[in-house]
Amino acid sequence: MPLKVVLQTIDGKRLAEAVPPKAALNRLIPFGDVSFPLLRFVDPYGDTIFNGAQMRGFLPEWSRLIQGVTDKQDSEFLLSVRSMAEKCEKEPHILLRFIGD
């Protein structure tokens, strides 16, 4: 099962969900790439949770991913996750959760 992204409250209530087309995250996330200090730690098989304070580092890395994508569906998906990340950054007690296989 491919990675998906959920915007949720601190108590687990789902506010939004993004399921990538064609397992996009499994292809696009720079697993282990040290030039992506946060994204390299996304676990493709487990859950990875980012909080609002981490969005200051996450958003520039995510923008780098968006810039490198040429497929329209992948781009639209990455933009929807960026929108969720921006909400996570602005609102208290909101988390961005990557759910692995």
PDB file of N, CA and C in Angstrom:
ATOM      1  N   MET A   1       0.858  -1.178   0.000  1.00  0.00           N
ATOM      2  CA  MET A   1       0.000   0.000   0.000  1.00  0.00           C
ATOM      3  C   MET A   1       0.902   1.238   0.000  1.00  0.00           C
ATOM      4  N   PRO A   2       0.589   2.222  -0.820  1.00  0.00           N
ATOM      5  CA  PRO A   2       1.436   3.417  -0.885  1.00  0.00           C
ATOM      6  C   PRO A   2       1.251   4.333   0.316  1.00  0.00           C
ATOM      7  N   LEU A   3       2.260   5.153   0.533  1.00  0.00           N
ATOM      8  CA  LEU A   3       2.177   6.196   1.551  1.00  0.00           C
ATOM      9  C   LEU A   3       1.018   7.128   1.254  1.00  0.00           C
ATOM     10  N   LYS A   4       0.385   7.630   2.294  1.00  0.00           N
ATOM     11  CA  LYS A   4      -0.609   8.688   2.139  1.00  0.00           C
ATOM     12  C   LYS A   4      -0.359   9.711   3.231  1.00  0.00           C
ATOM     13  N   VAL A   5      -1.000  10.868   3.112  1.00  0.00           N
ATOM     14  CA  VAL A   5      -0.780  11.967   4.046  1.00  0.00           C
ATOM     15  C   VAL A   5      -2.113  12.383   4.658  1.00  0.00           C
ATOM     16  N   VAL A   6      -2.088  12.604   5.979  1.00  0.00           N
ATOM     17  CA  VAL A   6      -3.282  13.020   6.703  1.00  0.00           C
ATOM     18  C   VAL A   6      -2.947  14.256   7.527  1.00  0.00           C
ATOM     19  N   LEU A   7      -3.835  15.223   7.498  1.00  0.00           N
ATOM     20  CA  LEU A   7      -3.765  16.367   8.403  1.00  0.00           C
ATOM     21  C   LEU A   7      -4.710  16.040   9.542  1.00  0.00           C
ATOM     22  N   GLN A   8      -4.202  16.086  10.762  1.00  0.00           N
ATOM     23  CA  GLN A   8      -5.025  15.672  11.892  1.00  0.00           C
ATOM     24  C   GLN A   8      -4.792  16.552  13.098  1.00  0.00           C
ATOM     25  N   THR A   9      -5.751  16.481  14.012  1.00  0.00           N
ATOM     26  CA  THR A   9      -5.598  17.169  15.287  1.00  0.00           C
ATOM     27  C   THR A   9      -4.691  16.335  16.171  1.00  0.00           C
ATOM     28  N   ILE A  10      -4.264  16.920  17.259  1.00  0.00           N
ATOM     29  CA  ILE A  10      -3.367  16.227  18.182  1.00  0.00           C
ATOM     30  C   ILE A  10      -4.030  14.985  18.796  1.00  0.00           C
ATOM     31  N   ASP A  11      -5.366  14.966  18.854  1.00  0.00           N
ATOM     32  CA  ASP A  11      -6.063  13.803  19.396  1.00  0.00           C
ATOM     33  C   ASP A  11      -6.484  12.806  18.314  1.00  0.00           C
ATOM     34  N   GLY A  12      -5.992  12.999  17.080  1.00  0.00           N
ATOM     35  CA  GLY A  12      -6.193  12.018  16.017  1.00  0.00           C
ATOM     36  C   GLY A  12      -7.354  12.251  15.078  1.00  0.00           C
ATOM     37  N   LYS A  13      -8.131  13.306  15.253  1.00  0.00           N
ATOM     38  CA  LYS A  13      -9.252  13.582  14.357  1.00  0.00           C
ATOM     39  C   LYS A  13      -8.705  14.023  12.996  1.00  0.00           C
ATOM     40  N   ARG A  14      -9.116  13.350  11.940  1.00  0.00           N
ATOM     41  CA  ARG A  14      -8.649  13.662  10.591  1.00  0.00           C
ATOM     42  C   ARG A  14      -9.368  14.878  10.039  1.00  0.00           C
ATOM     43  N   LEU A  15      -8.579  15.837   9.581  1.00  0.00           N
ATOM     44  CA  LEU A  15      -9.122  17.060   8.998  1.00  0.00           C
ATOM     45  C   LEU A  15      -9.079  17.030   7.480  1.00  0.00           C
ATOM     46  N   ALA A  16      -8.077  16.346   6.938  1.00  0.00           N
ATOM     47  CA  ALA A  16      -7.919  16.217   5.487  1.00  0.00           C
ATOM     48  C   ALA A  16      -7.035  15.015   5.216  1.00  0.00           C
ATOM     49  N   GLU A  17      -7.176  14.472   4.024  1.00  0.00           N
ATOM     50  CA  GLU A  17      -6.369  13.320   3.634  1.00  0.00           C
ATOM     51  C   GLU A  17      -6.011  13.436   2.169  1.00  0.00           C
ATOM     52  N   ALA A  18      -4.803  13.025   1.834  1.00  0.00           N
ATOM     53  CA  ALA A  18      -4.348  13.046   0.452  1.00  0.00           C
ATOM     54  C   ALA A  18      -3.743  11.690   0.114  1.00  0.00           C
ATOM     55  N   VAL A  19      -4.372  11.005  -0.829  1.00  0.00           N
ATOM     56  CA  VAL A  19      -3.857   9.729  -1.302  1.00  0.00           C
ATOM     57  C   VAL A  19      -3.215   9.990  -2.659  1.00  0.00           C
ATOM     58  N   PRO A  20      -1.938   9.709  -2.772  1.00  0.00           N
ATOM     59  CA  PRO A  20      -1.223  10.056  -3.996  1.00  0.00           C
ATOM     60  C   PRO A  20      -1.588   9.175  -5.184  1.00  0.00           C
ATOM     61  N   PRO A  21      -1.567   9.763  -6.375  1.00  0.00           N
ATOM     62  CA  PRO A  21      -1.770   8.958  -7.580  1.00  0.00           C
ATOM     63  C   PRO A  21      -0.530   8.122  -7.853  1.00  0.00           C
ATOM     64  N   LYS A  22      -0.719   6.937  -8.331  1.00  0.00           N
ATOM     65  CA  LYS A  22       0.395   6.078  -8.775  1.00  0.00           C
ATOM     66  C   LYS A  22       1.502   5.940  -7.736  1.00  0.00           C
ATOM     67  N   ALA A  23       1.140   5.837  -6.471  1.00  0.00           N
ATOM     68  CA  ALA A  23       2.133   5.696  -5.387  1.00  0.00           C
ATOM     69  C   ALA A  23       3.207   6.775  -5.476  1.00  0.00           C
ATOM     70  N   ALA A  24       2.796   8.003  -5.743  1.00  0.00           N
ATOM     71  CA  ALA A  24       3.725   9.118  -5.970  1.00  0.00           C
ATOM     72  C   ALA A  24       4.721   9.309  -4.830  1.00  0.00           C
ATOM     73  N   LEU A  25       4.267   9.256  -3.604  1.00  0.00           N
ATOM     74  CA  LEU A  25       5.186   9.510  -2.496  1.00  0.00           C
ATOM     75  C   LEU A  25       6.288   8.467  -2.423  1.00  0.00           C
ATOM     76  N   ASN A  26       5.948   7.236  -2.717  1.00  0.00           N
ATOM     77  CA  ASN A  26       6.962   6.189  -2.684  1.00  0.00           C
ATOM     78  C   ASN A  26       8.035   6.420  -3.751  1.00  0.00           C
ATOM     79  N   ARG A  27       7.684   7.122  -4.811  1.00  0.00           N
ATOM     80  CA  ARG A  27       8.639   7.450  -5.875  1.00  0.00           C
ATOM     81  C   ARG A  27       9.361   8.771  -5.622  1.00  0.00           C
ATOM     82  N   LEU A  28       8.703   9.710  -4.966  1.00  0.00           N
ATOM     83  CA  LEU A  28       9.216  11.082  -4.896  1.00  0.00           C
ATOM     84  C   LEU A  28       9.927  11.453  -3.598  1.00  0.00           C
ATOM     85  N   ILE A  29       9.560  10.813  -2.499  1.00  0.00           N
ATOM     86  CA  ILE A  29      10.196  11.145  -1.215  1.00  0.00           C
ATOM     87  C   ILE A  29      11.678  10.768  -1.291  1.00  0.00           C
ATOM     88  N   PRO A  30      12.551  11.666  -0.866  1.00  0.00           N
ATOM     89  CA  PRO A  30      13.996  11.395  -0.915  1.00  0.00           C
ATOM     90  C   PRO A  30      14.478  10.609   0.312  1.00  0.00           C
ATOM     91  N   PHE A  31      14.025   9.372   0.432  1.00  0.00           N
ATOM     92  CA  PHE A  31      14.367   8.530   1.581  1.00  0.00           C
ATOM     93  C   PHE A  31      15.876   8.484   1.773  1.00  0.00           C
ATOM     94  N   GLY A  32      16.338   8.877   2.958  1.00  0.00           N
ATOM     95  CA  GLY A  32      17.751   8.790   3.292  1.00  0.00           C
ATOM     96  C   GLY A  32      18.651   9.856   2.694  1.00  0.00           C
ATOM     97  N   ASP A  33      18.121  10.759   1.882  1.00  0.00           N
ATOM     98  CA  ASP A  33      18.930  11.806   1.235  1.00  0.00           C
ATOM     99  C   ASP A  33      19.234  12.904   2.258  1.00  0.00           C
ATOM    100  N   VAL A  34      20.501  13.056   2.618  1.00  0.00           N
ATOM    101  CA  VAL A  34      20.883  14.009   3.668  1.00  0.00           C
ATOM    102  C   VAL A  34      20.636  15.461   3.280  1.00  0.00           C
ATOM    103  N   SER A  35      20.423  15.741   2.002  1.00  0.00           N
ATOM    104  CA  SER A  35      20.119  17.117   1.604  1.00  0.00           C
ATOM    105  C   SER A  35      18.665  17.494   1.923  1.00  0.00           C
ATOM    106  N   PHE A  36      17.895  16.517   2.425  1.00  0.00           N
ATOM    107  CA  PHE A  36      16.522  16.751   2.884  1.00  0.00           C
ATOM    108  C   PHE A  36      16.473  16.365   4.367  1.00  0.00           C
ATOM    109  N   PRO A  37      16.861  17.293   5.259  1.00  0.00           N
ATOM    110  CA  PRO A  37      17.001  16.963   6.682  1.00  0.00           C
ATOM    111  C   PRO A  37      15.754  16.391   7.358  1.00  0.00           C
ATOM    112  N   LEU A  38      14.563  16.745   6.896  1.00  0.00           N
ATOM    113  CA  LEU A  38      13.343  16.197   7.500  1.00  0.00           C
ATOM    114  C   LEU A  38      12.744  15.072   6.664  1.00  0.00           C
ATOM    115  N   LEU A  39      12.592  15.305   5.379  1.00  0.00           N
ATOM    116  CA  LEU A  39      11.925  14.319   4.527  1.00  0.00           C
ATOM    117  C   LEU A  39      12.684  13.000   4.427  1.00  0.00           C
ATOM    118  N   ARG A  40      13.980  13.033   4.631  1.00  0.00           N
ATOM    119  CA  ARG A  40      14.741  11.782   4.536  1.00  0.00           C
ATOM    120  C   ARG A  40      14.342  10.788   5.617  1.00  0.00           C
ATOM    121  N   PHE A  41      13.674  11.272   6.672  1.00  0.00           N
ATOM    122  CA  PHE A  41      13.272  10.393   7.760  1.00  0.00           C
ATOM    123  C   PHE A  41      11.840   9.872   7.639  1.00  0.00           C
ATOM    124  N   VAL A  42      11.146  10.186   6.556  1.00  0.00           N
ATOM    125  CA  VAL A  42       9.813   9.621   6.368  1.00  0.00           C
ATOM    126  C   VAL A  42       9.965   8.107   6.243  1.00  0.00           C
ATOM    127  N   ASP A  43       9.195   7.392   7.039  1.00  0.00           N
ATOM    128  CA  ASP A  43       9.253   5.928   7.062  1.00  0.00           C
ATOM    129  C   ASP A  43       8.225   5.371   6.076  1.00  0.00           C
ATOM    130  N   PRO A  44       8.668   4.708   5.008  1.00  0.00           N
ATOM    131  CA  PRO A  44       7.710   4.190   4.029  1.00  0.00           C
ATOM    132  C   PRO A  44       6.842   3.052   4.564  1.00  0.00           C
ATOM    133  N   TYR A  45       7.233   2.463   5.695  1.00  0.00           N
ATOM    134  CA  TYR A  45       6.504   1.321   6.234  1.00  0.00           C
ATOM    135  C   TYR A  45       5.772   1.619   7.543  1.00  0.00           C
ATOM    136  N   GLY A  46       6.013   2.759   8.122  1.00  0.00           N
ATOM    137  CA  GLY A  46       5.378   3.136   9.376  1.00  0.00           C
ATOM    138  C   GLY A  46       4.807   4.534   9.273  1.00  0.00           C
ATOM    139  N   ASP A  47       4.524   5.123  10.404  1.00  0.00           N
ATOM    140  CA  ASP A  47       3.982   6.482  10.442  1.00  0.00           C
ATOM    141  C   ASP A  47       5.083   7.472  10.798  1.00  0.00           C
ATOM    142  N   THR A  48       5.029   8.621  10.153  1.00  0.00           N
ATOM    143  CA  THR A  48       5.938   9.724  10.459  1.00  0.00           C
ATOM    144  C   THR A  48       5.070  10.944  10.691  1.00  0.00           C
ATOM    145  N   ILE A  49       5.278  11.610  11.826  1.00  0.00           N
ATOM    146  CA  ILE A  49       4.431  12.744  12.192  1.00  0.00           C
ATOM    147  C   ILE A  49       5.284  14.004  12.323  1.00  0.00           C
ATOM    148  N   PHE A  50       4.810  15.074  11.685  1.00  0.00           N
ATOM    149  CA  PHE A  50       5.453  16.379  11.770  1.00  0.00           C
ATOM    150  C   PHE A  50       4.498  17.345  12.462  1.00  0.00           C
ATOM    151  N   ASN A  51       5.073  18.206  13.330  1.00  0.00           N
ATOM    152  CA  ASN A  51       4.253  19.201  14.020  1.00  0.00           C
ATOM    153  C   ASN A  51       4.401  20.573  13.353  1.00  0.00           C
ATOM    154  N   GLY A  52       3.663  21.526  13.846  1.00  0.00           N
ATOM    155  CA  GLY A  52       3.666  22.867  13.260  1.00  0.00           C
ATOM    156  C   GLY A  52       5.021  23.538  13.252  1.00  0.00           C
ATOM    157  N   ALA A  53       5.789  23.376  14.309  1.00  0.00           N
ATOM    158  CA  ALA A  53       7.114  23.996  14.370  1.00  0.00           C
ATOM    159  C   ALA A  53       8.044  23.418  13.316  1.00  0.00           C
ATOM    160  N   GLN A  54       7.889  22.163  12.990  1.00  0.00           N
ATOM    161  CA  GLN A  54       8.735  21.527  11.978  1.00  0.00           C
ATOM    162  C   GLN A  54       8.403  21.980  10.563  1.00  0.00           C
ATOM    163  N   MET A  55       7.268  22.596  10.376  1.00  0.00           N
ATOM    164  CA  MET A  55       6.866  23.038   9.045  1.00  0.00           C
ATOM    165  C   MET A  55       7.822  24.089   8.473  1.00  0.00           C
ATOM    166  N   ARG A  56       8.519  24.837   9.340  1.00  0.00           N
ATOM    167  CA  ARG A  56       9.496  25.829   8.847  1.00  0.00           C
ATOM    168  C   ARG A  56      10.600  25.165   8.042  1.00  0.00           C
ATOM    169  N   GLY A  57      10.965  23.950   8.393  1.00  0.00           N
ATOM    170  CA  GLY A  57      11.949  23.192   7.632  1.00  0.00           C
ATOM    171  C   GLY A  57      11.318  22.319   6.563  1.00  0.00           C
ATOM    172  N   PHE A  58      10.139  21.802   6.873  1.00  0.00           N
ATOM    173  CA  PHE A  58       9.444  20.902   5.958  1.00  0.00           C
ATOM    174  C   PHE A  58       9.024  21.607   4.667  1.00  0.00           C
ATOM    175  N   LEU A  59       8.436  22.782   4.786  1.00  0.00           N
ATOM    176  CA  LEU A  59       7.888  23.468   3.602  1.00  0.00           C
ATOM    177  C   LEU A  59       8.935  23.775   2.533  1.00  0.00           C
ATOM    178  N   PRO A  60      10.130  24.277   2.874  1.00  0.00           N
ATOM    179  CA  PRO A  60      11.137  24.480   1.821  1.00  0.00           C
ATOM    180  C   PRO A  60      11.559  23.168   1.151  1.00  0.00           C
ATOM    181  N   GLU A  61      11.668  22.103   1.930  1.00  0.00           N
ATOM    182  CA  GLU A  61      12.017  20.810   1.351  1.00  0.00           C
ATOM    183  C   GLU A  61      10.913  20.329   0.415  1.00  0.00           C
ATOM    184  N   TRP A  62       9.666  20.513   0.835  1.00  0.00           N
ATOM    185  CA  TRP A  62       8.529  20.091   0.020  1.00  0.00           C
ATOM    186  C   TRP A  62       8.481  20.893  -1.273  1.00  0.00           C
ATOM    187  N   SER A  63       8.792  22.177  -1.192  1.00  0.00           N
ATOM    188  CA  SER A  63       8.826  23.019  -2.397  1.00  0.00           C
ATOM    189  C   SER A  63       9.884  22.519  -3.380  1.00  0.00           C
ATOM    190  N   ARG A  64      11.003  22.038  -2.860  1.00  0.00           N
ATOM    191  CA  ARG A  64      12.027  21.446  -3.731  1.00  0.00           C
ATOM    192  C   ARG A  64      11.484  20.230  -4.463  1.00  0.00           C
ATOM    193  N   LEU A  65      10.695  19.414  -3.776  1.00  0.00           N
ATOM    194  CA  LEU A  65      10.075  18.266  -4.437  1.00  0.00           C
ATOM    195  C   LEU A  65       9.154  18.716  -5.554  1.00  0.00           C
ATOM    196  N   ILE A  66       8.334  19.712  -5.266  1.00  0.00           N
ATOM    197  CA  ILE A  66       7.376  20.212  -6.258  1.00  0.00           C
ATOM    198  C   ILE A  66       8.108  20.710  -7.501  1.00  0.00           C
ATOM    199  N   GLN A  67       9.192  21.432  -7.309  1.00  0.00           N
ATOM    200  CA  GLN A  67       9.945  21.984  -8.439  1.00  0.00           C
ATOM    201  C   GLN A  67      10.516  20.899  -9.350  1.00  0.00           C
ATOM    202  N   GLY A  68      10.792  19.727  -8.799  1.00  0.00           N
ATOM    203  CA  GLY A  68      11.398  18.659  -9.587  1.00  0.00           C
ATOM    204  C   GLY A  68      10.413  17.743 -10.296  1.00  0.00           C
ATOM    205  N   VAL A  69       9.117  18.019 -10.165  1.00  0.00           N
ATOM    206  CA  VAL A  69       8.100  17.130 -10.720  1.00  0.00           C
ATOM    207  C   VAL A  69       7.569  17.683 -12.046  1.00  0.00           C
ATOM    208  N   THR A  70       7.425  16.799 -13.027  1.00  0.00           N
ATOM    209  CA  THR A  70       6.880  17.218 -14.321  1.00  0.00           C
ATOM    210  C   THR A  70       5.483  16.650 -14.575  1.00  0.00           C
ATOM    211  N   ASP A  71       5.127  15.568 -13.893  1.00  0.00           N
ATOM    212  CA  ASP A  71       3.815  14.954 -14.068  1.00  0.00           C
ATOM    213  C   ASP A  71       2.742  15.809 -13.399  1.00  0.00           C
ATOM    214  N   LYS A  72       1.674  16.123 -14.138  1.00  0.00           N
ATOM    215  CA  LYS A  72       0.629  17.018 -13.625  1.00  0.00           C
ATOM    216  C   LYS A  72      -0.080  16.442 -12.394  1.00  0.00           C
ATOM    217  N   GLN A  73      -0.407  15.154 -12.412  1.00  0.00           N
ATOM    218  CA  GLN A  73      -1.083  14.543 -11.263  1.00  0.00           C
ATOM    219  C   GLN A  73      -0.196  14.576 -10.026  1.00  0.00           C
ATOM    220  N   ASP A  74       1.075  14.251 -10.203  1.00  0.00           N
ATOM    221  CA  ASP A  74       2.009  14.295  -9.072  1.00  0.00           C
ATOM    222  C   ASP A  74       2.115  15.706  -8.523  1.00  0.00           C
ATOM    223  N   SER A  75       2.212  16.677  -9.423  1.00  0.00           N
ATOM    224  CA  SER A  75       2.331  18.074  -9.020  1.00  0.00           C
ATOM    225  C   SER A  75       1.103  18.529  -8.230  1.00  0.00           C
ATOM    226  N   GLU A  76      -0.072  18.200  -8.718  1.00  0.00           N
ATOM    227  CA  GLU A  76      -1.307  18.580  -8.028  1.00  0.00           C
ATOM    228  C   GLU A  76      -1.380  17.938  -6.644  1.00  0.00           C
ATOM    229  N   PHE A  77      -0.960  16.692  -6.549  1.00  0.00           N
ATOM    230  CA  PHE A  77      -0.950  16.017  -5.260  1.00  0.00           C
ATOM    231  C   PHE A  77       0.017  16.710  -4.299  1.00  0.00           C
ATOM    232  N   LEU A  78       1.236  16.979  -4.758  1.00  0.00           N
ATOM    233  CA  LEU A  78       2.231  17.631  -3.902  1.00  0.00           C
ATOM    234  C   LEU A  78       1.761  19.013  -3.462  1.00  0.00           C
ATOM    235  N   LEU A  79       1.075  19.724  -4.343  1.00  0.00           N
ATOM    236  CA  LEU A  79       0.531  21.034  -3.975  1.00  0.00           C
ATOM    237  C   LEU A  79      -0.556  20.894  -2.906  1.00  0.00           C
ATOM    238  N   SER A  80      -1.363  19.840  -2.983  1.00  0.00           N
ATOM    239  CA  SER A  80      -2.397  19.648  -1.953  1.00  0.00           C
ATOM    240  C   SER A  80      -1.763  19.337  -0.602  1.00  0.00           C
ATOM    241  N   VAL A  81      -0.669  18.591  -0.601  1.00  0.00           N
ATOM    242  CA  VAL A  81       0.029  18.317   0.659  1.00  0.00           C
ATOM    243  C   VAL A  81       0.659  19.597   1.195  1.00  0.00           C
ATOM    244  N   ARG A  82       1.192  20.426   0.301  1.00  0.00           N
ATOM    245  CA  ARG A  82       1.759  21.703   0.760  1.00  0.00           C
ATOM    246  C   ARG A  82       0.685  22.556   1.431  1.00  0.00           C
ATOM    247  N   SER A  83      -0.495  22.560   0.874  1.00  0.00           N
ATOM    248  CA  SER A  83      -1.598  23.313   1.482  1.00  0.00           C
ATOM    249  C   SER A  83      -1.908  22.785   2.885  1.00  0.00           C
ATOM    250  N   MET A  84      -1.899  21.475   3.042  1.00  0.00           N
ATOM    251  CA  MET A  84      -2.118  20.876   4.357  1.00  0.00           C
ATOM    252  C   MET A  84      -0.988  21.260   5.311  1.00  0.00           C
ATOM    253  N   ALA A  85       0.248  21.261   4.812  1.00  0.00           N
ATOM    254  CA  ALA A  85       1.407  21.624   5.643  1.00  0.00           C
ATOM    255  C   ALA A  85       1.322  23.082   6.090  1.00  0.00           C
ATOM    256  N   GLU A  86       0.865  23.954   5.206  1.00  0.00           N
ATOM    257  CA  GLU A  86       0.718  25.370   5.567  1.00  0.00           C
ATOM    258  C   GLU A  86      -0.325  25.543   6.666  1.00  0.00           C
ATOM    259  N   LYS A  87      -1.396  24.773   6.599  1.00  0.00           N
ATOM    260  CA  LYS A  87      -2.405  24.810   7.653  1.00  0.00           C
ATOM    261  C   LYS A  87      -1.816  24.291   8.959  1.00  0.00           C
ATOM    262  N   CYS A  88      -1.026  23.241   8.874  1.00  0.00           N
ATOM    263  CA  CYS A  88      -0.370  22.677  10.055  1.00  0.00           C
ATOM    264  C   CYS A  88       0.531  23.716  10.719  1.00  0.00           C
ATOM    265  N   GLU A  89       1.231  24.484   9.913  1.00  0.00           N
ATOM    266  CA  GLU A  89       2.141  25.499  10.435  1.00  0.00           C
ATOM    267  C   GLU A  89       1.399  26.623  11.159  1.00  0.00           C
ATOM    268  N   LYS A  90       0.228  26.970  10.659  1.00  0.00           N
ATOM    269  CA  LYS A  90      -0.493  28.142  11.168  1.00  0.00           C
ATOM    270  C   LYS A  90      -1.404  27.852  12.350  1.00  0.00           C
ATOM    271  N   GLU A  91      -1.922  26.629  12.427  1.00  0.00           N
ATOM    272  CA  GLU A  91      -2.907  26.334  13.452  1.00  0.00           C
ATOM    273  C   GLU A  91      -2.304  25.486  14.577  1.00  0.00           C
ATOM    274  N   PRO A  92      -2.618  25.810  15.814  1.00  0.00           N
ATOM    275  CA  PRO A  92      -2.069  25.031  16.936  1.00  0.00           C
ATOM    276  C   PRO A  92      -2.687  23.638  17.009  1.00  0.00           C
ATOM    277  N   HIS A  93      -1.909  22.699  17.519  1.00  0.00           N
ATOM    278  CA  HIS A  93      -2.367  21.339  17.799  1.00  0.00           C
ATOM    279  C   HIS A  93      -2.791  20.564  16.548  1.00  0.00           C
ATOM    280  N   ILE A  94      -2.181  20.920  15.401  1.00  0.00           N
ATOM    281  CA  ILE A  94      -2.430  20.227  14.149  1.00  0.00           C
ATOM    282  C   ILE A  94      -1.140  19.522  13.725  1.00  0.00           C
ATOM    283  N   LEU A  95      -1.275  18.306  13.226  1.00  0.00           N
ATOM    284  CA  LEU A  95      -0.113  17.513  12.826  1.00  0.00           C
ATOM    285  C   LEU A  95      -0.264  17.047  11.376  1.00  0.00           C
ATOM    286  N   LEU A  96       0.857  16.878  10.698  1.00  0.00           N
ATOM    287  CA  LEU A  96       0.887  16.308   9.364  1.00  0.00           C
ATOM    288  C   LEU A  96       1.481  14.913   9.503  1.00  0.00           C
ATOM    289  N   ARG A  97       0.702  13.927   9.126  1.00  0.00           N
ATOM    290  CA  ARG A  97       1.090  12.526   9.368  1.00  0.00           C
ATOM    291  C   ARG A  97       1.203  11.780   8.048  1.00  0.00           C
ATOM    292  N   PHE A  98       2.358  11.150   7.837  1.00  0.00           N
ATOM    293  CA  PHE A  98       2.582  10.278   6.692  1.00  0.00           C
ATOM    294  C   PHE A  98       2.318   8.867   7.180  1.00  0.00           C
ATOM    295  N   ILE A  99       1.417   8.173   6.507  1.00  0.00           N
ATOM    296  CA  ILE A  99       1.037   6.829   6.914  1.00  0.00           C
ATOM    297  C   ILE A  99       1.618   5.842   5.904  1.00  0.00           C
ATOM    298  N   GLY A 100       2.505   5.001   6.386  1.00  0.00           N
ATOM    299  CA  GLY A 100       3.168   4.031   5.529  1.00  0.00           C
ATOM    300  C   GLY A 100       2.400   2.736   5.396  1.00  0.00           C
ATOM    301  N   ASP A 101       3.002   1.831   4.682  1.00  0.00           N
ATOM    302  CA  ASP A 101       2.422   0.535   4.369  1.00  0.00           C
ATOM    303  C   ASP A 101       2.203  -0.310   5.609  1.00  0.00           C
TER     304      ASP A 101
END
